[in-house]
């Protein structure tokens, strides 16, 4: 487990943003959400931002969180 990798995004002329993971489109953002994503991706860690926006950022810690006293 480690840092997210394999993400990339491309902006289209109509203002949409396609986020890909290992070459497959996992989400498309339009309008205000696309602009908000672009601002965040350019100012922070792009891989982490894309993982968070696609919902693909929790893998690897589920077993650890299952052991937490709050989840017993």
PDB file of N, CA and C in Angstrom:
ATOM      1  N   UNK A   1       0.839  -1.156   0.000  1.00  0.00           N
ATOM      2  CA  UNK A   1       0.000   0.000   0.000  1.00  0.00           C
ATOM      3  C   UNK A   1       0.894   1.232   0.000  1.00  0.00           C
ATOM      4  N   UNK A   2       0.398   2.282  -0.494  1.00  0.00           N
ATOM      5  CA  UNK A   2       1.204   3.475  -0.526  1.00  0.00           C
ATOM      6  C   UNK A   2       0.437   4.606  -1.155  1.00  0.00           C
ATOM      7  N   UNK A   3       1.177   5.404  -1.823  1.00  0.00           N
ATOM      8  CA  UNK A   3       0.564   6.561  -2.462  1.00  0.00           C
ATOM      9  C   UNK A   3      -0.176   6.140  -3.718  1.00  0.00           C
ATOM     10  N   UNK A   4      -1.268   6.836  -4.049  1.00  0.00           N
ATOM     11  CA  UNK A   4      -1.998   6.513  -5.265  1.00  0.00           C
ATOM     12  C   UNK A   4      -1.133   6.784  -6.494  1.00  0.00           C
ATOM     13  N   UNK A   5      -1.335   5.974  -7.517  1.00  0.00           N
ATOM     14  CA  UNK A   5      -0.588   6.147  -8.762  1.00  0.00           C
ATOM     15  C   UNK A   5      -1.445   5.669  -9.924  1.00  0.00           C
ATOM     16  N   UNK A   6      -1.056   6.049 -11.118  1.00  0.00           N
ATOM     17  CA  UNK A   6      -1.742   5.587 -12.313  1.00  0.00           C
ATOM     18  C   UNK A   6      -2.875   6.477 -12.772  1.00  0.00           C
ATOM     19  N   UNK A   7      -3.052   7.632 -12.139  1.00  0.00           N
ATOM     20  CA  UNK A   7      -4.128   8.546 -12.513  1.00  0.00           C
ATOM     21  C   UNK A   7      -3.611   9.587 -13.492  1.00  0.00           C
ATOM     22  N   UNK A   8      -4.485  10.004 -14.370  1.00  0.00           N
ATOM     23  CA  UNK A   8      -4.207  11.123 -15.270  1.00  0.00           C
ATOM     24  C   UNK A   8      -5.542  11.763 -15.634  1.00  0.00           C
ATOM     25  N   UNK A   9      -5.497  12.994 -16.056  1.00  0.00           N
ATOM     26  CA  UNK A   9      -6.741  13.646 -16.469  1.00  0.00           C
ATOM     27  C   UNK A   9      -6.497  14.403 -17.751  1.00  0.00           C
ATOM     28  N   UNK A  10      -7.593  14.624 -18.473  1.00  0.00           N
ATOM     29  CA  UNK A  10      -7.500  15.427 -19.683  1.00  0.00           C
ATOM     30  C   UNK A  10      -8.689  16.367 -19.742  1.00  0.00           C
ATOM     31  N   UNK A  11      -8.391  17.582 -20.128  1.00  0.00           N
ATOM     32  CA  UNK A  11      -9.425  18.604 -20.283  1.00  0.00           C
ATOM     33  C   UNK A  11      -9.923  18.575 -21.715  1.00  0.00           C
ATOM     34  N   UNK A  12     -11.221  18.702 -21.881  1.00  0.00           N
ATOM     35  CA  UNK A  12     -11.812  18.747 -23.215  1.00  0.00           C
ATOM     36  C   UNK A  12     -12.256  20.171 -23.518  1.00  0.00           C
ATOM     37  N   UNK A  13     -12.447  20.456 -24.792  1.00  0.00           N
ATOM     38  CA  UNK A  13     -12.811  21.788 -25.228  1.00  0.00           C
ATOM     39  C   UNK A  13     -14.151  22.270 -24.708  1.00  0.00           C
ATOM     40  N   UNK A  14     -15.055  21.353 -24.385  1.00  0.00           N
ATOM     41  CA  UNK A  14     -16.374  21.755 -23.899  1.00  0.00           C
ATOM     42  C   UNK A  14     -16.403  21.985 -22.390  1.00  0.00           C
ATOM     43  N   UNK A  15     -15.238  21.941 -21.733  1.00  0.00           N
ATOM     44  CA  UNK A  15     -15.151  22.219 -20.310  1.00  0.00           C
ATOM     45  C   UNK A  15     -15.224  20.993 -19.422  1.00  0.00           C
ATOM     46  N   UNK A  16     -15.373  19.815 -20.005  1.00  0.00           N
ATOM     47  CA  UNK A  16     -15.407  18.608 -19.180  1.00  0.00           C
ATOM     48  C   UNK A  16     -13.986  18.118 -18.922  1.00  0.00           C
ATOM     49  N   UNK A  17     -13.847  17.367 -17.854  1.00  0.00           N
ATOM     50  CA  UNK A  17     -12.564  16.779 -17.471  1.00  0.00           C
ATOM     51  C   UNK A  17     -12.790  15.280 -17.301  1.00  0.00           C
ATOM     52  N   UNK A  18     -11.984  14.483 -17.973  1.00  0.00           N
ATOM     53  CA  UNK A  18     -12.049  13.034 -17.823  1.00  0.00           C
ATOM     54  C   UNK A  18     -10.868  12.582 -16.976  1.00  0.00           C
ATOM     55  N   UNK A  19     -11.153  11.849 -15.902  1.00  0.00           N
ATOM     56  CA  UNK A  19     -10.099  11.308 -15.050  1.00  0.00           C
ATOM     57  C   UNK A  19      -9.956   9.839 -15.386  1.00  0.00           C
ATOM     58  N   UNK A  20      -8.723   9.442 -15.694  1.00  0.00           N
ATOM     59  CA  UNK A  20      -8.431   8.058 -16.058  1.00  0.00           C
ATOM     60  C   UNK A  20      -7.563   7.405 -14.986  1.00  0.00           C
ATOM     61  N   UNK A  21      -7.754   6.102 -14.837  1.00  0.00           N
ATOM     62  CA  UNK A  21      -6.907   5.307 -13.946  1.00  0.00           C
ATOM     63  C   UNK A  21      -6.432   4.120 -14.752  1.00  0.00           C
ATOM     64  N   UNK A  22      -5.132   4.045 -14.970  1.00  0.00           N
ATOM     65  CA  UNK A  22      -4.513   3.016 -15.809  1.00  0.00           C
ATOM     66  C   UNK A  22      -5.183   2.942 -17.185  1.00  0.00           C
ATOM     67  N   UNK A  23      -5.464   4.108 -17.759  1.00  0.00           N
ATOM     68  CA  UNK A  23      -5.978   4.185 -19.121  1.00  0.00           C
ATOM     69  C   UNK A  23      -7.480   4.114 -19.267  1.00  0.00           C
ATOM     70  N   UNK A  24      -8.213   3.796 -18.220  1.00  0.00           N
ATOM     71  CA  UNK A  24      -9.668   3.703 -18.302  1.00  0.00           C
ATOM     72  C   UNK A  24     -10.304   4.930 -17.665  1.00  0.00           C
ATOM     73  N   UNK A  25     -11.325   5.471 -18.334  1.00  0.00           N
ATOM     74  CA  UNK A  25     -12.036   6.617 -17.778  1.00  0.00           C
ATOM     75  C   UNK A  25     -12.846   6.138 -16.575  1.00  0.00           C
ATOM     76  N   UNK A  26     -12.594   6.758 -15.422  1.00  0.00           N
ATOM     77  CA  UNK A  26     -13.329   6.371 -14.221  1.00  0.00           C
ATOM     78  C   UNK A  26     -14.371   7.409 -13.827  1.00  0.00           C
ATOM     79  N   UNK A  27     -14.195   8.650 -14.251  1.00  0.00           N
ATOM     80  CA  UNK A  27     -15.215   9.669 -14.000  1.00  0.00           C
ATOM     81  C   UNK A  27     -15.037  10.832 -14.959  1.00  0.00           C
ATOM     82  N   UNK A  28     -16.141  11.527 -15.173  1.00  0.00           N
ATOM     83  CA  UNK A  28     -16.130  12.751 -15.976  1.00  0.00           C
ATOM     84  C   UNK A  28     -16.740  13.855 -15.132  1.00  0.00           C
ATOM     85  N   UNK A  29     -16.097  15.000 -15.133  1.00  0.00           N
ATOM     86  CA  UNK A  29     -16.571  16.143 -14.356  1.00  0.00           C
ATOM     87  C   UNK A  29     -16.965  17.242 -15.331  1.00  0.00           C
ATOM     88  N   UNK A  30     -18.049  17.932 -14.998  1.00  0.00           N
ATOM     89  CA  UNK A  30     -18.555  19.000 -15.859  1.00  0.00           C
ATOM     90  C   UNK A  30     -18.798  20.260 -15.037  1.00  0.00           C
ATOM     91  N   UNK A  31     -18.803  21.385 -15.704  1.00  0.00           N
ATOM     92  CA  UNK A  31     -19.185  22.648 -15.084  1.00  0.00           C
ATOM     93  C   UNK A  31     -18.307  23.068 -13.924  1.00  0.00           C
ATOM     94  N   UNK A  32     -18.983  23.480 -12.852  1.00  0.00           N
ATOM     95  CA  UNK A  32     -18.287  23.980 -11.665  1.00  0.00           C
ATOM     96  C   UNK A  32     -17.423  22.941 -10.989  1.00  0.00           C
ATOM     97  N   UNK A  33     -17.887  21.695 -11.003  1.00  0.00           N
ATOM     98  CA  UNK A  33     -17.082  20.630 -10.391  1.00  0.00           C
ATOM     99  C   UNK A  33     -15.774  20.444 -11.140  1.00  0.00           C
ATOM    100  N   UNK A  34     -15.814  20.554 -12.460  1.00  0.00           N
ATOM    101  CA  UNK A  34     -14.592  20.413 -13.259  1.00  0.00           C
ATOM    102  C   UNK A  34     -13.615  21.534 -12.939  1.00  0.00           C
ATOM    103  N   UNK A  35     -14.114  22.756 -12.822  1.00  0.00           N
ATOM    104  CA  UNK A  35     -13.248  23.893 -12.516  1.00  0.00           C
ATOM    105  C   UNK A  35     -12.650  23.779 -11.116  1.00  0.00           C
ATOM    106  N   UNK A  36     -13.460  23.325 -10.164  1.00  0.00           N
ATOM    107  CA  UNK A  36     -12.969  23.143  -8.800  1.00  0.00           C
ATOM    108  C   UNK A  36     -11.887  22.062  -8.756  1.00  0.00           C
ATOM    109  N   UNK A  37     -12.114  20.968  -9.494  1.00  0.00           N
ATOM    110  CA  UNK A  37     -11.116  19.896  -9.553  1.00  0.00           C
ATOM    111  C   UNK A  37      -9.810  20.398 -10.153  1.00  0.00           C
ATOM    112  N   UNK A  38      -9.883  21.130 -11.260  1.00  0.00           N
ATOM    113  CA  UNK A  38      -8.676  21.622 -11.925  1.00  0.00           C
ATOM    114  C   UNK A  38      -7.866  22.531 -11.000  1.00  0.00           C
ATOM    115  N   UNK A  39      -8.545  23.390 -10.277  1.00  0.00           N
ATOM    116  CA  UNK A  39      -7.842  24.286  -9.348  1.00  0.00           C
ATOM    117  C   UNK A  39      -7.153  23.476  -8.251  1.00  0.00           C
ATOM    118  N   UNK A  40      -7.838  22.467  -7.749  1.00  0.00           N
ATOM    119  CA  UNK A  40      -7.260  21.653  -6.675  1.00  0.00           C
ATOM    120  C   UNK A  40      -6.117  20.779  -7.193  1.00  0.00           C
ATOM    121  N   UNK A  41      -6.270  20.220  -8.388  1.00  0.00           N
ATOM    122  CA  UNK A  41      -5.240  19.340  -8.951  1.00  0.00           C
ATOM    123  C   UNK A  41      -3.955  20.098  -9.259  1.00  0.00           C
ATOM    124  N   UNK A  42      -4.071  21.342  -9.661  1.00  0.00           N
ATOM    125  CA  UNK A  42      -2.894  22.120 -10.013  1.00  0.00           C
ATOM    126  C   UNK A  42      -2.182  22.682  -8.788  1.00  0.00           C
ATOM    127  N   UNK A  43      -2.886  22.749  -7.651  1.00  0.00           N
ATOM    128  CA  UNK A  43      -2.261  23.325  -6.468  1.00  0.00           C
ATOM    129  C   UNK A  43      -1.750  22.280  -5.483  1.00  0.00           C
ATOM    130  N   UNK A  44      -2.154  21.018  -5.652  1.00  0.00           N
ATOM    131  CA  UNK A  44      -1.749  19.993  -4.691  1.00  0.00           C
ATOM    132  C   UNK A  44      -1.133  18.788  -5.376  1.00  0.00           C
ATOM    133  N   UNK A  45      -1.076  17.690  -4.660  1.00  0.00           N
ATOM    134  CA  UNK A  45      -0.571  16.426  -5.187  1.00  0.00           C
ATOM    135  C   UNK A  45      -1.617  15.865  -6.150  1.00  0.00           C
ATOM    136  N   UNK A  46      -1.346  15.907  -7.429  1.00  0.00           N
ATOM    137  CA  UNK A  46      -2.306  15.513  -8.446  1.00  0.00           C
ATOM    138  C   UNK A  46      -2.825  14.097  -8.292  1.00  0.00           C
ATOM    139  N   UNK A  47      -1.956  13.150  -7.990  1.00  0.00           N
ATOM    140  CA  UNK A  47      -2.374  11.756  -7.850  1.00  0.00           C
ATOM    141  C   UNK A  47      -3.347  11.585  -6.681  1.00  0.00           C
ATOM    142  N   UNK A  48      -3.041  12.214  -5.575  1.00  0.00           N
ATOM    143  CA  UNK A  48      -3.899  12.111  -4.400  1.00  0.00           C
ATOM    144  C   UNK A  48      -5.239  12.792  -4.646  1.00  0.00           C
ATOM    145  N   UNK A  49      -5.210  13.934  -5.294  1.00  0.00           N
ATOM    146  CA  UNK A  49      -6.443  14.665  -5.600  1.00  0.00           C
ATOM    147  C   UNK A  49      -7.333  13.835  -6.518  1.00  0.00           C
ATOM    148  N   UNK A  50      -6.750  13.245  -7.561  1.00  0.00           N
ATOM    149  CA  UNK A  50      -7.555  12.434  -8.484  1.00  0.00           C
ATOM    150  C   UNK A  50      -8.107  11.193  -7.798  1.00  0.00           C
ATOM    151  N   UNK A  51      -7.327  10.581  -6.931  1.00  0.00           N
ATOM    152  CA  UNK A  51      -7.813   9.404  -6.200  1.00  0.00           C
ATOM    153  C   UNK A  51      -8.995   9.787  -5.320  1.00  0.00           C
ATOM    154  N   UNK A  52      -8.899  10.934  -4.668  1.00  0.00           N
ATOM    155  CA  UNK A  52      -9.981  11.368  -3.797  1.00  0.00           C
ATOM    156  C   UNK A  52     -11.240  11.705  -4.589  1.00  0.00           C
ATOM    157  N   UNK A  53     -11.096  12.386  -5.717  1.00  0.00           N
ATOM    158  CA  UNK A  53     -12.248  12.772  -6.524  1.00  0.00           C
ATOM    159  C   UNK A  53     -12.929  11.563  -7.161  1.00  0.00           C
ATOM    160  N   UNK A  54     -12.198  10.495  -7.391  1.00  0.00           N
ATOM    161  CA  UNK A  54     -12.812   9.304  -7.986  1.00  0.00           C
ATOM    162  C   UNK A  54     -13.308   8.331  -6.936  1.00  0.00           C
ATOM    163  N   UNK A  55     -12.980   8.562  -5.665  1.00  0.00           N
ATOM    164  CA  UNK A  55     -13.405   7.657  -4.612  1.00  0.00           C
ATOM    165  C   UNK A  55     -12.496   6.452  -4.472  1.00  0.00           C
ATOM    166  N   UNK A  56     -11.343   6.489  -5.113  1.00  0.00           N
ATOM    167  CA  UNK A  56     -10.423   5.353  -5.120  1.00  0.00           C
ATOM    168  C   UNK A  56      -9.224   5.653  -4.227  1.00  0.00           C
ATOM    169  N   UNK A  57      -9.480   6.025  -2.976  1.00  0.00           N
ATOM    170  CA  UNK A  57      -8.369   6.428  -2.124  1.00  0.00           C
ATOM    171  C   UNK A  57      -8.295   5.680  -0.810  1.00  0.00           C
ATOM    172  N   UNK A  58      -9.176   4.756  -0.551  1.00  0.00           N
ATOM    173  CA  UNK A  58      -9.170   4.104   0.751  1.00  0.00           C
ATOM    174  C   UNK A  58      -8.559   2.718   0.712  1.00  0.00           C
ATOM    175  N   UNK A  59      -8.175   2.235  -0.408  1.00  0.00           N
ATOM    176  CA  UNK A  59      -7.698   0.866  -0.501  1.00  0.00           C
ATOM    177  C   UNK A  59      -6.402   0.674   0.288  1.00  0.00           C
ATOM    178  N   UNK A  60      -6.400  -0.351   1.105  1.00  0.00           N
ATOM    179  CA  UNK A  60      -5.214  -0.657   1.878  1.00  0.00           C
ATOM    180  C   UNK A  60      -5.357  -0.399   3.362  1.00  0.00           C
ATOM    181  N   UNK A  61      -6.296   0.436   3.760  1.00  0.00           N
ATOM    182  CA  UNK A  61      -6.414   0.720   5.185  1.00  0.00           C
ATOM    183  C   UNK A  61      -7.671   0.116   5.805  1.00  0.00           C
ATOM    184  N   UNK A  62      -8.453  -0.621   5.033  1.00  0.00           N
ATOM    185  CA  UNK A  62      -9.690  -1.158   5.565  1.00  0.00           C
ATOM    186  C   UNK A  62      -9.449  -2.163   6.693  1.00  0.00           C
ATOM    187  N   UNK A  63      -8.452  -2.990   6.545  1.00  0.00           N
ATOM    188  CA  UNK A  63      -8.173  -3.988   7.573  1.00  0.00           C
ATOM    189  C   UNK A  63      -7.759  -3.310   8.873  1.00  0.00           C
ATOM    190  N   UNK A  64      -6.947  -2.290   8.779  1.00  0.00           N
ATOM    191  CA  UNK A  64      -6.503  -1.556   9.957  1.00  0.00           C
ATOM    192  C   UNK A  64      -7.685  -0.897  10.651  1.00  0.00           C
ATOM    193  N   UNK A  65      -8.568  -0.286   9.888  1.00  0.00           N
ATOM    194  CA  UNK A  65      -9.700   0.400  10.507  1.00  0.00           C
ATOM    195  C   UNK A  65     -10.687  -0.584  11.117  1.00  0.00           C
ATOM    196  N   UNK A  66     -10.753  -1.794  10.609  1.00  0.00           N
ATOM    197  CA  UNK A  66     -11.638  -2.812  11.174  1.00  0.00           C
ATOM    198  C   UNK A  66     -11.188  -3.178  12.587  1.00  0.00           C
ATOM    199  N   UNK A  67      -9.884  -3.063  12.859  1.00  0.00           N
ATOM    200  CA  UNK A  67      -9.341  -3.397  14.159  1.00  0.00           C
ATOM    201  C   UNK A  67      -9.531  -2.288  15.197  1.00  0.00           C
ATOM    202  N   UNK A  68      -9.923  -1.105  14.760  1.00  0.00           N
ATOM    203  CA  UNK A  68     -10.053   0.041  15.650  1.00  0.00           C
ATOM    204  C   UNK A  68     -11.170  -0.216  16.669  1.00  0.00           C
ATOM    205  N   UNK A  69     -10.979   0.164  17.937  1.00  0.00           N
ATOM    206  CA  UNK A  69     -11.994  -0.072  18.972  1.00  0.00           C
ATOM    207  C   UNK A  69     -13.369   0.502  18.648  1.00  0.00           C
ATOM    208  N   UNK A  70     -13.403   1.602  17.928  1.00  0.00           N
ATOM    209  CA  UNK A  70     -14.673   2.232  17.587  1.00  0.00           C
ATOM    210  C   UNK A  70     -15.496   1.335  16.670  1.00  0.00           C
ATOM    211  N   UNK A  71     -14.859   0.458  15.895  1.00  0.00           N
ATOM    212  CA  UNK A  71     -15.552  -0.366  14.923  1.00  0.00           C
ATOM    213  C   UNK A  71     -15.796  -1.792  15.394  1.00  0.00           C
ATOM    214  N   UNK A  72     -15.558  -2.074  16.650  1.00  0.00           N
ATOM    215  CA  UNK A  72     -15.760  -3.436  17.150  1.00  0.00           C
ATOM    216  C   UNK A  72     -17.174  -3.664  17.582  1.00  0.00           C
TER     217      UNK A  72
END
